[in-house]
């Protein structure tokens, strides 16, 4: 493998969105979906809900909860995931504001 000091390592600063860094055309949407899903999974875990109990709360069947808990969001729009968060007693706030002139493009993200 050689001496680690002799290897040339190249570091690239992240944009803050791994999907954009990887060149996905719908990077903002994927980032939002991923963060919403991460929060749903965390809340279900914090509450120690079984998949059956989570299914009752979310209004879906247990196999669909299993798919969500395993990171599969196919078939779930951002709007539906927002409804899941509301069903989990979470306030969801959407804020729209002008982007700073210092930034080249507007951001779409989950804050908080």
C-alpha atoms as a PDB file:
ATOM      1  CA  UNK A   1       0.000   0.000   0.000  1.00  0.00           C
ATOM      2  CA  UNK A   2       2.900   2.329   0.558  1.00  0.00           C
ATOM      3  CA  UNK A   3       3.533   5.174   2.906  1.00  0.00           C
ATOM      4  CA  UNK A   4       0.345   7.184   3.571  1.00  0.00           C
ATOM      5  CA  UNK A   5       2.380  10.390   3.458  1.00  0.00           C
ATOM      6  CA  UNK A   6       3.525   9.635  -0.079  1.00  0.00           C
ATOM      7  CA  UNK A   7      -0.016   9.286  -1.436  1.00  0.00           C
ATOM      8  CA  UNK A   8      -1.462  12.385  -3.005  1.00  0.00           C
ATOM      9  CA  UNK A   9      -4.880  12.923  -1.492  1.00  0.00           C
ATOM     10  CA  UNK A  10      -7.397  15.183  -3.099  1.00  0.00           C
ATOM     11  CA  UNK A  11     -10.065  16.755  -0.930  1.00  0.00           C
ATOM     12  CA  UNK A  12     -13.118  18.375  -2.403  1.00  0.00           C
ATOM     13  CA  UNK A  13     -15.274  20.678  -0.312  1.00  0.00           C
ATOM     14  CA  UNK A  14     -18.887  19.516  -0.129  1.00  0.00           C
ATOM     15  CA  UNK A  15     -21.689  21.741  -1.296  1.00  0.00           C
ATOM     16  CA  UNK A  16     -23.681  20.525   1.706  1.00  0.00           C
ATOM     17  CA  UNK A  17     -25.843  18.341  -0.525  1.00  0.00           C
ATOM     18  CA  UNK A  18     -24.304  14.961  -1.275  1.00  0.00           C
ATOM     19  CA  UNK A  19     -26.765  14.410  -4.133  1.00  0.00           C
ATOM     20  CA  UNK A  20     -25.626  17.629  -5.845  1.00  0.00           C
ATOM     21  CA  UNK A  21     -22.001  16.650  -5.255  1.00  0.00           C
ATOM     22  CA  UNK A  22     -22.723  13.347  -7.024  1.00  0.00           C
ATOM     23  CA  UNK A  23     -24.386  15.149  -9.941  1.00  0.00           C
ATOM     24  CA  UNK A  24     -28.038  14.162  -9.473  1.00  0.00           C
ATOM     25  CA  UNK A  25     -30.374  16.421 -11.460  1.00  0.00           C
ATOM     26  CA  UNK A  26     -33.008  16.356  -8.682  1.00  0.00           C
ATOM     27  CA  UNK A  27     -30.489  16.817  -5.867  1.00  0.00           C
ATOM     28  CA  UNK A  28     -32.552  19.279  -3.811  1.00  0.00           C
ATOM     29  CA  UNK A  29     -35.605  17.025  -3.857  1.00  0.00           C
ATOM     30  CA  UNK A  30     -33.551  13.958  -2.897  1.00  0.00           C
ATOM     31  CA  UNK A  31     -31.918  15.872  -0.062  1.00  0.00           C
ATOM     32  CA  UNK A  32     -35.279  17.017   1.321  1.00  0.00           C
ATOM     33  CA  UNK A  33     -36.780  13.528   1.015  1.00  0.00           C
ATOM     34  CA  UNK A  34     -33.789  12.018   2.793  1.00  0.00           C
ATOM     35  CA  UNK A  35     -33.918  14.502   5.664  1.00  0.00           C
ATOM     36  CA  UNK A  36     -37.677  14.096   6.123  1.00  0.00           C
ATOM     37  CA  UNK A  37     -37.262  10.328   6.164  1.00  0.00           C
ATOM     38  CA  UNK A  38     -34.387  10.593   8.624  1.00  0.00           C
ATOM     39  CA  UNK A  39     -36.597  12.590  10.966  1.00  0.00           C
ATOM     40  CA  UNK A  40     -39.531  10.174  10.638  1.00  0.00           C
ATOM     41  CA  UNK A  41     -37.260   7.221  11.432  1.00  0.00           C
ATOM     42  CA  UNK A  42     -35.743   9.077  14.404  1.00  0.00           C
ATOM     43  CA  UNK A  43     -39.140   9.964  15.900  1.00  0.00           C
ATOM     44  CA  UNK A  44     -40.471   6.422  15.481  1.00  0.00           C
ATOM     45  CA  UNK A  45     -37.298   5.177  17.179  1.00  0.00           C
ATOM     46  CA  UNK A  46     -37.388   7.745  19.996  1.00  0.00           C
ATOM     47  CA  UNK A  47     -40.957   6.708  20.763  1.00  0.00           C
ATOM     48  CA  UNK A  48     -40.048   3.020  20.610  1.00  0.00           C
ATOM     49  CA  UNK A  49     -42.970   2.436  18.272  1.00  0.00           C
ATOM     50  CA  UNK A  50     -43.287  -0.997  16.756  1.00  0.00           C
ATOM     51  CA  UNK A  51     -43.814  -1.037  13.014  1.00  0.00           C
ATOM     52  CA  UNK A  52     -47.424  -2.009  13.641  1.00  0.00           C
ATOM     53  CA  UNK A  53     -47.927   0.959  16.003  1.00  0.00           C
ATOM     54  CA  UNK A  54     -46.164   3.316  13.580  1.00  0.00           C
ATOM     55  CA  UNK A  55     -48.421   2.055  10.801  1.00  0.00           C
ATOM     56  CA  UNK A  56     -51.501   2.987  12.834  1.00  0.00           C
ATOM     57  CA  UNK A  57     -50.137   6.473  13.534  1.00  0.00           C
ATOM     58  CA  UNK A  58     -49.067   7.087   9.936  1.00  0.00           C
ATOM     59  CA  UNK A  59     -52.187   5.554   8.386  1.00  0.00           C
ATOM     60  CA  UNK A  60     -50.306   3.008   6.260  1.00  0.00           C
ATOM     61  CA  UNK A  61     -49.782  -0.727   6.561  1.00  0.00           C
ATOM     62  CA  UNK A  62     -46.877  -2.363   8.393  1.00  0.00           C
ATOM     63  CA  UNK A  63     -44.980  -3.526   5.263  1.00  0.00           C
ATOM     64  CA  UNK A  64     -44.915   0.092   4.068  1.00  0.00           C
ATOM     65  CA  UNK A  65     -43.545   1.201   7.447  1.00  0.00           C
ATOM     66  CA  UNK A  66     -40.889  -1.508   7.116  1.00  0.00           C
ATOM     67  CA  UNK A  67     -39.926  -0.114   3.700  1.00  0.00           C
ATOM     68  CA  UNK A  68     -39.711   3.433   5.118  1.00  0.00           C
ATOM     69  CA  UNK A  69     -37.615   2.294   8.073  1.00  0.00           C
ATOM     70  CA  UNK A  70     -35.238   0.734   5.550  1.00  0.00           C
ATOM     71  CA  UNK A  71     -34.883   3.979   3.615  1.00  0.00           C
ATOM     72  CA  UNK A  72     -37.198   3.256   0.717  1.00  0.00           C
ATOM     73  CA  UNK A  73     -39.176   6.368  -0.190  1.00  0.00           C
ATOM     74  CA  UNK A  74     -40.482   5.233  -3.590  1.00  0.00           C
ATOM     75  CA  UNK A  75     -44.165   6.140  -3.764  1.00  0.00           C
ATOM     76  CA  UNK A  76     -43.956   8.774  -1.010  1.00  0.00           C
ATOM     77  CA  UNK A  77     -44.048  12.402  -2.053  1.00  0.00           C
ATOM     78  CA  UNK A  78     -42.548  15.129   0.076  1.00  0.00           C
ATOM     79  CA  UNK A  79     -46.118  16.243   0.863  1.00  0.00           C
ATOM     80  CA  UNK A  80     -46.987  12.778   2.151  1.00  0.00           C
ATOM     81  CA  UNK A  81     -43.875  12.651   4.327  1.00  0.00           C
ATOM     82  CA  UNK A  82     -44.868  16.055   5.744  1.00  0.00           C
ATOM     83  CA  UNK A  83     -48.253  14.541   6.634  1.00  0.00           C
ATOM     84  CA  UNK A  84     -46.439  11.641   8.343  1.00  0.00           C
ATOM     85  CA  UNK A  85     -44.517  14.161  10.463  1.00  0.00           C
ATOM     86  CA  UNK A  86     -47.757  15.924  11.387  1.00  0.00           C
ATOM     87  CA  UNK A  87     -49.259  12.546  12.340  1.00  0.00           C
ATOM     88  CA  UNK A  88     -46.220  12.105  14.600  1.00  0.00           C
ATOM     89  CA  UNK A  89     -47.190  15.382  16.343  1.00  0.00           C
ATOM     90  CA  UNK A  90     -44.519  17.478  14.661  1.00  0.00           C
ATOM     91  CA  UNK A  91     -45.091  21.064  13.595  1.00  0.00           C
ATOM     92  CA  UNK A  92     -43.833  21.573  10.045  1.00  0.00           C
ATOM     93  CA  UNK A  93     -43.000  25.099   8.951  1.00  0.00           C
ATOM     94  CA  UNK A  94     -42.142  26.061   5.386  1.00  0.00           C
ATOM     95  CA  UNK A  95     -40.328  29.361   5.050  1.00  0.00           C
ATOM     96  CA  UNK A  96     -39.653  31.105   1.743  1.00  0.00           C
ATOM     97  CA  UNK A  97     -37.235  34.008   1.459  1.00  0.00           C
ATOM     98  CA  UNK A  98     -34.972  35.599  -1.153  1.00  0.00           C
ATOM     99  CA  UNK A  99     -31.547  34.007  -1.505  1.00  0.00           C
ATOM    100  CA  UNK A 100     -28.558  36.123  -0.545  1.00  0.00           C
ATOM    101  CA  UNK A 101     -26.826  37.799  -3.468  1.00  0.00           C
ATOM    102  CA  UNK A 102     -23.589  36.210  -2.341  1.00  0.00           C
ATOM    103  CA  UNK A 103     -24.876  32.735  -3.242  1.00  0.00           C
ATOM    104  CA  UNK A 104     -25.152  31.675  -6.890  1.00  0.00           C
ATOM    105  CA  UNK A 105     -28.247  29.526  -6.510  1.00  0.00           C
ATOM    106  CA  UNK A 106     -31.243  29.232  -4.226  1.00  0.00           C
ATOM    107  CA  UNK A 107     -31.393  26.381  -1.708  1.00  0.00           C
ATOM    108  CA  UNK A 108     -34.170  23.936  -0.989  1.00  0.00           C
ATOM    109  CA  UNK A 109     -33.554  22.212   2.334  1.00  0.00           C
ATOM    110  CA  UNK A 110     -34.962  21.074   5.634  1.00  0.00           C
ATOM    111  CA  UNK A 111     -33.829  23.325   8.487  1.00  0.00           C
ATOM    112  CA  UNK A 112     -34.058  23.025  12.209  1.00  0.00           C
END
